[in-house]
Amino acid sequence: AEDSWHKIYQDLVLPYNQNNITFKYIGIYHRNPKVVVYQYKLEGFDRDWSLTTHNTEAIYTNLPEGKYTLLVRASTN
């Protein structure tokens, strides 16, 4: 199902051969957007959170079949 307002897919099912995916995300801090940093983790695949980054996308390739949930956290300090 897709929430048409913000294009977030819930319960998305892809064929096994569509196993490369890019997630794009953004955190908003109006005072100084350049200070926002992120970490992400794909539950069901990653053991730990990513390193802190200013990058606003997470790229996964050659994912094995399974159920995954993307977690993203943003911080300004």
PDB file of N, CA and C in Angstrom:
ATOM      1  N   ALA A   1       0.840  -1.178   0.000  1.00  0.00           N
ATOM      2  CA  ALA A   1       0.000   0.000   0.000  1.00  0.00           C
ATOM      3  C   ALA A   1       0.884   1.240   0.000  1.00  0.00           C
ATOM      4  N   GLU A   2       0.484   2.235  -0.728  1.00  0.00           N
ATOM      5  CA  GLU A   2       1.247   3.479  -0.814  1.00  0.00           C
ATOM      6  C   GLU A   2       0.439   4.601  -0.197  1.00  0.00           C
ATOM      7  N   ASP A   3       1.097   5.377   0.650  1.00  0.00           N
ATOM      8  CA  ASP A   3       0.492   6.587   1.174  1.00  0.00           C
ATOM      9  C   ASP A   3       0.799   7.679   0.162  1.00  0.00           C
ATOM     10  N   SER A   4      -0.185   8.137  -0.579  1.00  0.00           N
ATOM     11  CA  SER A   4       0.053   9.037  -1.706  1.00  0.00           C
ATOM     12  C   SER A   4       0.547  10.411  -1.291  1.00  0.00           C
ATOM     13  N   TRP A   5       0.354  10.803  -0.043  1.00  0.00           N
ATOM     14  CA  TRP A   5       0.789  12.127   0.367  1.00  0.00           C
ATOM     15  C   TRP A   5       2.307  12.229   0.415  1.00  0.00           C
ATOM     16  N   HIS A   6       2.981  11.252   0.974  1.00  0.00           N
ATOM     17  CA  HIS A   6       4.426  11.347   1.087  1.00  0.00           C
ATOM     18  C   HIS A   6       5.158  10.157   0.490  1.00  0.00           C
ATOM     19  N   LYS A   7       4.506   9.384  -0.342  1.00  0.00           N
ATOM     20  CA  LYS A   7       5.118   8.307  -1.116  1.00  0.00           C
ATOM     21  C   LYS A   7       5.884   7.298  -0.256  1.00  0.00           C
ATOM     22  N   ILE A   8       5.325   6.943   0.885  1.00  0.00           N
ATOM     23  CA  ILE A   8       5.922   5.902   1.708  1.00  0.00           C
ATOM     24  C   ILE A   8       5.157   4.616   1.451  1.00  0.00           C
ATOM     25  N   TYR A   9       5.906   3.606   1.073  1.00  0.00           N
ATOM     26  CA  TYR A   9       5.305   2.309   0.813  1.00  0.00           C
ATOM     27  C   TYR A   9       5.329   1.476   2.081  1.00  0.00           C
ATOM     28  N   GLN A  10       4.212   0.873   2.386  1.00  0.00           N
ATOM     29  CA  GLN A  10       4.122  -0.034   3.518  1.00  0.00           C
ATOM     30  C   GLN A  10       3.751  -1.399   2.961  1.00  0.00           C
ATOM     31  N   ASP A  11       4.404  -2.425   3.473  1.00  0.00           N
ATOM     32  CA  ASP A  11       4.156  -3.793   3.023  1.00  0.00           C
ATOM     33  C   ASP A  11       4.446  -3.957   1.536  1.00  0.00           C
ATOM     34  N   LEU A  12       5.480  -3.288   1.049  1.00  0.00           N
ATOM     35  CA  LEU A  12       5.905  -3.400  -0.340  1.00  0.00           C
ATOM     36  C   LEU A  12       6.518  -4.779  -0.568  1.00  0.00           C
ATOM     37  N   VAL A  13       6.080  -5.458  -1.599  1.00  0.00           N
ATOM     38  CA  VAL A  13       6.615  -6.772  -1.951  1.00  0.00           C
ATOM     39  C   VAL A  13       7.204  -6.676  -3.349  1.00  0.00           C
ATOM     40  N   LEU A  14       8.481  -7.059  -3.464  1.00  0.00           N
ATOM     41  CA  LEU A  14       9.176  -7.022  -4.746  1.00  0.00           C
ATOM     42  C   LEU A  14       9.558  -8.430  -5.167  1.00  0.00           C
ATOM     43  N   PRO A  15       9.629  -8.700  -6.466  1.00  0.00           N
ATOM     44  CA  PRO A  15      10.119  -9.992  -6.932  1.00  0.00           C
ATOM     45  C   PRO A  15      11.568 -10.196  -6.493  1.00  0.00           C
ATOM     46  N   TYR A  16      11.973 -11.439  -6.348  1.00  0.00           N
ATOM     47  CA  TYR A  16      13.310 -11.758  -5.841  1.00  0.00           C
ATOM     48  C   TYR A  16      14.428 -11.121  -6.662  1.00  0.00           C
ATOM     49  N   ASN A  17      14.192 -10.917  -7.963  1.00  0.00           N
ATOM     50  CA  ASN A  17      15.255 -10.373  -8.818  1.00  0.00           C
ATOM     51  C   ASN A  17      15.303  -8.846  -8.808  1.00  0.00           C
ATOM     52  N   GLN A  18      14.386  -8.206  -8.121  1.00  0.00           N
ATOM     53  CA  GLN A  18      14.448  -6.746  -7.930  1.00  0.00           C
ATOM     54  C   GLN A  18      15.002  -6.512  -6.529  1.00  0.00           C
ATOM     55  N   ASN A  19      16.307  -6.765  -6.383  1.00  0.00           N
ATOM     56  CA  ASN A  19      16.914  -6.768  -5.061  1.00  0.00           C
ATOM     57  C   ASN A  19      17.935  -5.653  -4.863  1.00  0.00           C
ATOM     58  N   ASN A  20      17.903  -4.645  -5.709  1.00  0.00           N
ATOM     59  CA  ASN A  20      18.714  -3.450  -5.535  1.00  0.00           C
ATOM     60  C   ASN A  20      17.755  -2.297  -5.259  1.00  0.00           C
ATOM     61  N   ILE A  21      17.982  -1.598  -4.151  1.00  0.00           N
ATOM     62  CA  ILE A  21      17.029  -0.553  -3.772  1.00  0.00           C
ATOM     63  C   ILE A  21      17.771   0.632  -3.166  1.00  0.00           C
ATOM     64  N   THR A  22      17.282   1.819  -3.473  1.00  0.00           N
ATOM     65  CA  THR A  22      17.816   3.056  -2.907  1.00  0.00           C
ATOM     66  C   THR A  22      16.706   3.738  -2.129  1.00  0.00           C
ATOM     67  N   PHE A  23      16.988   4.051  -0.883  1.00  0.00           N
ATOM     68  CA  PHE A  23      16.058   4.794  -0.034  1.00  0.00           C
ATOM     69  C   PHE A  23      16.566   6.227   0.053  1.00  0.00           C
ATOM     70  N   LYS A  24      15.677   7.191  -0.173  1.00  0.00           N
ATOM     71  CA  LYS A  24      16.032   8.599  -0.031  1.00  0.00           C
ATOM     72  C   LYS A  24      15.213   9.170   1.120  1.00  0.00           C
ATOM     73  N   TYR A  25      15.871   9.968   1.944  1.00  0.00           N
ATOM     74  CA  TYR A  25      15.220  10.522   3.128  1.00  0.00           C
ATOM     75  C   TYR A  25      15.786  11.912   3.392  1.00  0.00           C
ATOM     76  N   ILE A  26      15.100  12.665   4.231  1.00  0.00           N
ATOM     77  CA  ILE A  26      15.569  14.016   4.566  1.00  0.00           C
ATOM     78  C   ILE A  26      15.049  14.384   5.953  1.00  0.00           C
ATOM     79  N   GLY A  27      15.888  15.052   6.705  1.00  0.00           N
ATOM     80  CA  GLY A  27      15.488  15.630   7.980  1.00  0.00           C
ATOM     81  C   GLY A  27      15.524  17.138   7.813  1.00  0.00           C
ATOM     82  N   ILE A  28      14.608  17.829   8.432  1.00  0.00           N
ATOM     83  CA  ILE A  28      14.518  19.273   8.218  1.00  0.00           C
ATOM     84  C   ILE A  28      14.861  20.016   9.506  1.00  0.00           C
ATOM     85  N   TYR A  29      15.797  20.938   9.377  1.00  0.00           N
ATOM     86  CA  TYR A  29      16.170  21.844  10.474  1.00  0.00           C
ATOM     87  C   TYR A  29      16.345  23.210   9.834  1.00  0.00           C
ATOM     88  N   HIS A  30      15.340  24.052   9.961  1.00  0.00           N
ATOM     89  CA  HIS A  30      15.292  25.322   9.226  1.00  0.00           C
ATOM     90  C   HIS A  30      16.409  26.293   9.599  1.00  0.00           C
ATOM     91  N   ARG A  31      16.877  26.258  10.830  1.00  0.00           N
ATOM     92  CA  ARG A  31      17.919  27.198  11.243  1.00  0.00           C
ATOM     93  C   ARG A  31      19.230  26.986  10.506  1.00  0.00           C
ATOM     94  N   ASN A  32      19.593  25.723  10.316  1.00  0.00           N
ATOM     95  CA  ASN A  32      20.862  25.424   9.650  1.00  0.00           C
ATOM     96  C   ASN A  32      20.808  24.002   9.083  1.00  0.00           C
ATOM     97  N   PRO A  33      20.202  23.823   7.912  1.00  0.00           N
ATOM     98  CA  PRO A  33      20.007  22.476   7.359  1.00  0.00           C
ATOM     99  C   PRO A  33      21.297  21.713   7.131  1.00  0.00           C
ATOM    100  N   LYS A  34      22.419  22.405   6.980  1.00  0.00           N
ATOM    101  CA  LYS A  34      23.680  21.715   6.693  1.00  0.00           C
ATOM    102  C   LYS A  34      24.246  20.969   7.890  1.00  0.00           C
ATOM    103  N   VAL A  35      23.721  21.207   9.090  1.00  0.00           N
ATOM    104  CA  VAL A  35      24.254  20.520  10.269  1.00  0.00           C
ATOM    105  C   VAL A  35      23.551  19.191  10.553  1.00  0.00           C
ATOM    106  N   VAL A  36      22.500  18.879   9.816  1.00  0.00           N
ATOM    107  CA  VAL A  36      21.776  17.628  10.050  1.00  0.00           C
ATOM    108  C   VAL A  36      22.629  16.453   9.581  1.00  0.00           C
ATOM    109  N   VAL A  37      22.768  15.458  10.463  1.00  0.00           N
ATOM    110  CA  VAL A  37      23.473  14.226  10.121  1.00  0.00           C
ATOM    111  C   VAL A  37      22.522  13.055  10.340  1.00  0.00           C
ATOM    112  N   TYR A  38      22.838  11.948   9.686  1.00  0.00           N
ATOM    113  CA  TYR A  38      21.942  10.797   9.678  1.00  0.00           C
ATOM    114  C   TYR A  38      22.689   9.511   9.994  1.00  0.00           C
ATOM    115  N   GLN A  39      21.921   8.552  10.458  1.00  0.00           N
ATOM    116  CA  GLN A  39      22.346   7.163  10.530  1.00  0.00           C
ATOM    117  C   GLN A  39      21.154   6.345  10.065  1.00  0.00           C
ATOM    118  N   TYR A  40      21.436   5.219   9.452  1.00  0.00           N
ATOM    119  CA  TYR A  40      20.357   4.340   9.008  1.00  0.00           C
ATOM    120  C   TYR A  40      20.733   2.888   9.270  1.00  0.00           C
ATOM    121  N   LYS A  41      19.694   2.078   9.279  1.00  0.00           N
ATOM    122  CA  LYS A  41      19.875   0.647   9.531  1.00  0.00           C
ATOM    123  C   LYS A  41      18.735  -0.084   8.845  1.00  0.00           C
ATOM    124  N   LEU A  42      19.068  -1.105   8.092  1.00  0.00           N
ATOM    125  CA  LEU A  42      18.047  -1.926   7.456  1.00  0.00           C
ATOM    126  C   LEU A  42      17.857  -3.157   8.342  1.00  0.00           C
ATOM    127  N   GLU A  43      16.780  -3.123   9.142  1.00  0.00           N
ATOM    128  CA  GLU A  43      16.509  -4.251  10.030  1.00  0.00           C
ATOM    129  C   GLU A  43      16.271  -5.502   9.195  1.00  0.00           C
ATOM    130  N   GLY A  44      16.863  -6.576   9.609  1.00  0.00           N
ATOM    131  CA  GLY A  44      16.777  -7.815   8.856  1.00  0.00           C
ATOM    132  C   GLY A  44      17.995  -8.016   7.980  1.00  0.00           C
ATOM    133  N   PHE A  45      18.866  -6.995   7.886  1.00  0.00           N
ATOM    134  CA  PHE A  45      20.076  -7.082   7.068  1.00  0.00           C
ATOM    135  C   PHE A  45      21.299  -6.550   7.812  1.00  0.00           C
ATOM    136  N   ASP A  46      21.232  -5.300   8.280  1.00  0.00           N
ATOM    137  CA  ASP A  46      22.359  -4.677   8.979  1.00  0.00           C
ATOM    138  C   ASP A  46      22.371  -5.080  10.449  1.00  0.00           C
ATOM    139  N   ARG A  47      23.553  -5.341  10.968  1.00  0.00           N
ATOM    140  CA  ARG A  47      23.690  -5.613  12.407  1.00  0.00           C
ATOM    141  C   ARG A  47      23.701  -4.325  13.202  1.00  0.00           C
ATOM    142  N   ASP A  48      24.370  -3.317  12.664  1.00  0.00           N
ATOM    143  CA  ASP A  48      24.569  -2.058  13.380  1.00  0.00           C
ATOM    144  C   ASP A  48      24.092  -0.888  12.530  1.00  0.00           C
ATOM    145  N   TRP A  49      23.986   0.265  13.189  1.00  0.00           N
ATOM    146  CA  TRP A  49      23.667   1.503  12.493  1.00  0.00           C
ATOM    147  C   TRP A  49      24.833   1.888  11.597  1.00  0.00           C
ATOM    148  N   SER A  50      24.549   2.596  10.525  1.00  0.00           N
ATOM    149  CA  SER A  50      25.603   3.107   9.640  1.00  0.00           C
ATOM    150  C   SER A  50      26.438   4.140  10.388  1.00  0.00           C
ATOM    151  N   LEU A  51      27.563   4.491   9.807  1.00  0.00           N
ATOM    152  CA  LEU A  51      28.330   5.610  10.328  1.00  0.00           C
ATOM    153  C   LEU A  51      27.520   6.883  10.119  1.00  0.00           C
ATOM    154  N   THR A  52      27.769   7.896  10.913  1.00  0.00           N
ATOM    155  CA  THR A  52      27.085   9.180  10.759  1.00  0.00           C
ATOM    156  C   THR A  52      27.484   9.802   9.421  1.00  0.00           C
ATOM    157  N   THR A  53      26.490  10.338   8.711  1.00  0.00           N
ATOM    158  CA  THR A  53      26.732  10.890   7.382  1.00  0.00           C
ATOM    159  C   THR A  53      25.807  12.080   7.111  1.00  0.00           C
ATOM    160  N   HIS A  54      26.217  12.918   6.183  1.00  0.00           N
ATOM    161  CA  HIS A  54      25.346  13.990   5.687  1.00  0.00           C
ATOM    162  C   HIS A  54      24.566  13.512   4.462  1.00  0.00           C
ATOM    163  N   ASN A  55      24.906  12.348   3.958  1.00  0.00           N
ATOM    164  CA  ASN A  55      24.243  11.775   2.789  1.00  0.00           C
ATOM    165  C   ASN A  55      22.778  11.498   3.114  1.00  0.00           C
ATOM    166  N   THR A  56      21.892  11.709   2.146  1.00  0.00           N
ATOM    167  CA  THR A  56      20.451  11.519   2.382  1.00  0.00           C
ATOM    168  C   THR A  56      19.889  10.350   1.586  1.00  0.00           C
ATOM    169  N   GLU A  57      20.718   9.332   1.396  1.00  0.00           N
ATOM    170  CA  GLU A  57      20.209   8.114   0.767  1.00  0.00           C
ATOM    171  C   GLU A  57      20.990   6.910   1.267  1.00  0.00           C
ATOM    172  N   ALA A  58      20.311   5.792   1.265  1.00  0.00           N
ATOM    173  CA  ALA A  58      20.917   4.513   1.635  1.00  0.00           C
ATOM    174  C   ALA A  58      20.725   3.578   0.451  1.00  0.00           C
ATOM    175  N   ILE A  59      21.828   3.000  -0.003  1.00  0.00           N
ATOM    176  CA  ILE A  59      21.782   2.136  -1.182  1.00  0.00           C
ATOM    177  C   ILE A  59      22.105   0.709  -0.760  1.00  0.00           C
ATOM    178  N   TYR A  60      21.252  -0.211  -1.176  1.00  0.00           N
ATOM    179  CA  TYR A  60      21.458  -1.629  -0.911  1.00  0.00           C
ATOM    180  C   TYR A  60      21.403  -2.381  -2.232  1.00  0.00           C
ATOM    181  N   THR A  61      22.350  -3.269  -2.431  1.00  0.00           N
ATOM    182  CA  THR A  61      22.387  -4.063  -3.657  1.00  0.00           C
ATOM    183  C   THR A  61      22.442  -5.539  -3.310  1.00  0.00           C
ATOM    184  N   ASN A  62      21.887  -6.334  -4.200  1.00  0.00           N
ATOM    185  CA  ASN A  62      21.937  -7.784  -4.080  1.00  0.00           C
ATOM    186  C   ASN A  62      21.402  -8.281  -2.739  1.00  0.00           C
ATOM    187  N   LEU A  63      20.284  -7.723  -2.299  1.00  0.00           N
ATOM    188  CA  LEU A  63      19.677  -8.155  -1.038  1.00  0.00           C
ATOM    189  C   LEU A  63      19.113  -9.568  -1.169  1.00  0.00           C
ATOM    190  N   PRO A  64      19.350 -10.397  -0.181  1.00  0.00           N
ATOM    191  CA  PRO A  64      18.717 -11.713  -0.212  1.00  0.00           C
ATOM    192  C   PRO A  64      17.217 -11.593   0.078  1.00  0.00           C
ATOM    193  N   GLU A  65      16.470 -12.603  -0.291  1.00  0.00           N
ATOM    194  CA  GLU A  65      15.036 -12.619  -0.013  1.00  0.00           C
ATOM    195  C   GLU A  65      14.822 -12.480   1.484  1.00  0.00           C
ATOM    196  N   GLY A  66      13.839 -11.691   1.871  1.00  0.00           N
ATOM    197  CA  GLY A  66      13.553 -11.522   3.288  1.00  0.00           C
ATOM    198  C   GLY A  66      12.642 -10.345   3.543  1.00  0.00           C
ATOM    199  N   LYS A  67      12.387 -10.095   4.818  1.00  0.00           N
ATOM    200  CA  LYS A  67      11.578  -8.955   5.254  1.00  0.00           C
ATOM    201  C   LYS A  67      12.512  -7.936   5.873  1.00  0.00           C
ATOM    202  N   TYR A  68      12.352  -6.678   5.484  1.00  0.00           N
ATOM    203  CA  TYR A  68      13.236  -5.619   5.940  1.00  0.00           C
ATOM    204  C   TYR A  68      12.429  -4.398   6.357  1.00  0.00           C
ATOM    205  N   THR A  69      12.994  -3.651   7.291  1.00  0.00           N
ATOM    206  CA  THR A  69      12.442  -2.356   7.703  1.00  0.00           C
ATOM    207  C   THR A  69      13.591  -1.371   7.771  1.00  0.00           C
ATOM    208  N   LEU A  70      13.451  -0.240   7.083  1.00  0.00           N
ATOM    209  CA  LEU A  70      14.486   0.792   7.122  1.00  0.00           C
ATOM    210  C   LEU A  70      14.229   1.716   8.302  1.00  0.00           C
ATOM    211  N   LEU A  71      15.251   1.908   9.112  1.00  0.00           N
ATOM    212  CA  LEU A  71      15.203   2.849  10.221  1.00  0.00           C
ATOM    213  C   LEU A  71      16.172   3.990   9.905  1.00  0.00           C
ATOM    214  N   VAL A  72      15.759   5.215  10.137  1.00  0.00           N
ATOM    215  CA  VAL A  72      16.613   6.376   9.907  1.00  0.00           C
ATOM    216  C   VAL A  72      16.488   7.276  11.122  1.00  0.00           C
ATOM    217  N   ARG A  73      17.649   7.786  11.561  1.00  0.00           N
ATOM    218  CA  ARG A  73      17.610   8.778  12.630  1.00  0.00           C
ATOM    219  C   ARG A  73      18.436   9.987  12.194  1.00  0.00           C
ATOM    220  N   ALA A  74      17.943  11.157  12.581  1.00  0.00           N
ATOM    221  CA  ALA A  74      18.596  12.414  12.215  1.00  0.00           C
ATOM    222  C   ALA A  74      18.921  13.175  13.487  1.00  0.00           C
ATOM    223  N   SER A  75      20.014  13.924  13.429  1.00  0.00           N
ATOM    224  CA  SER A  75      20.458  14.690  14.584  1.00  0.00           C
ATOM    225  C   SER A  75      21.114  15.984  14.113  1.00  0.00           C
ATOM    226  N   THR A  76      21.108  16.975  14.988  1.00  0.00           N
ATOM    227  CA  THR A  76      21.762  18.235  14.674  1.00  0.00           C
ATOM    228  C   THR A  76      23.009  18.463  15.517  1.00  0.00           C
ATOM    229  N   ASN A  77      23.394  17.486  16.335  1.00  0.00           N
ATOM    230  CA  ASN A  77      24.612  17.668  17.123  1.00  0.00           C
ATOM    231  C   ASN A  77      25.408  16.394  17.190  1.00  0.00           C
TER     232      ASN A  77
END
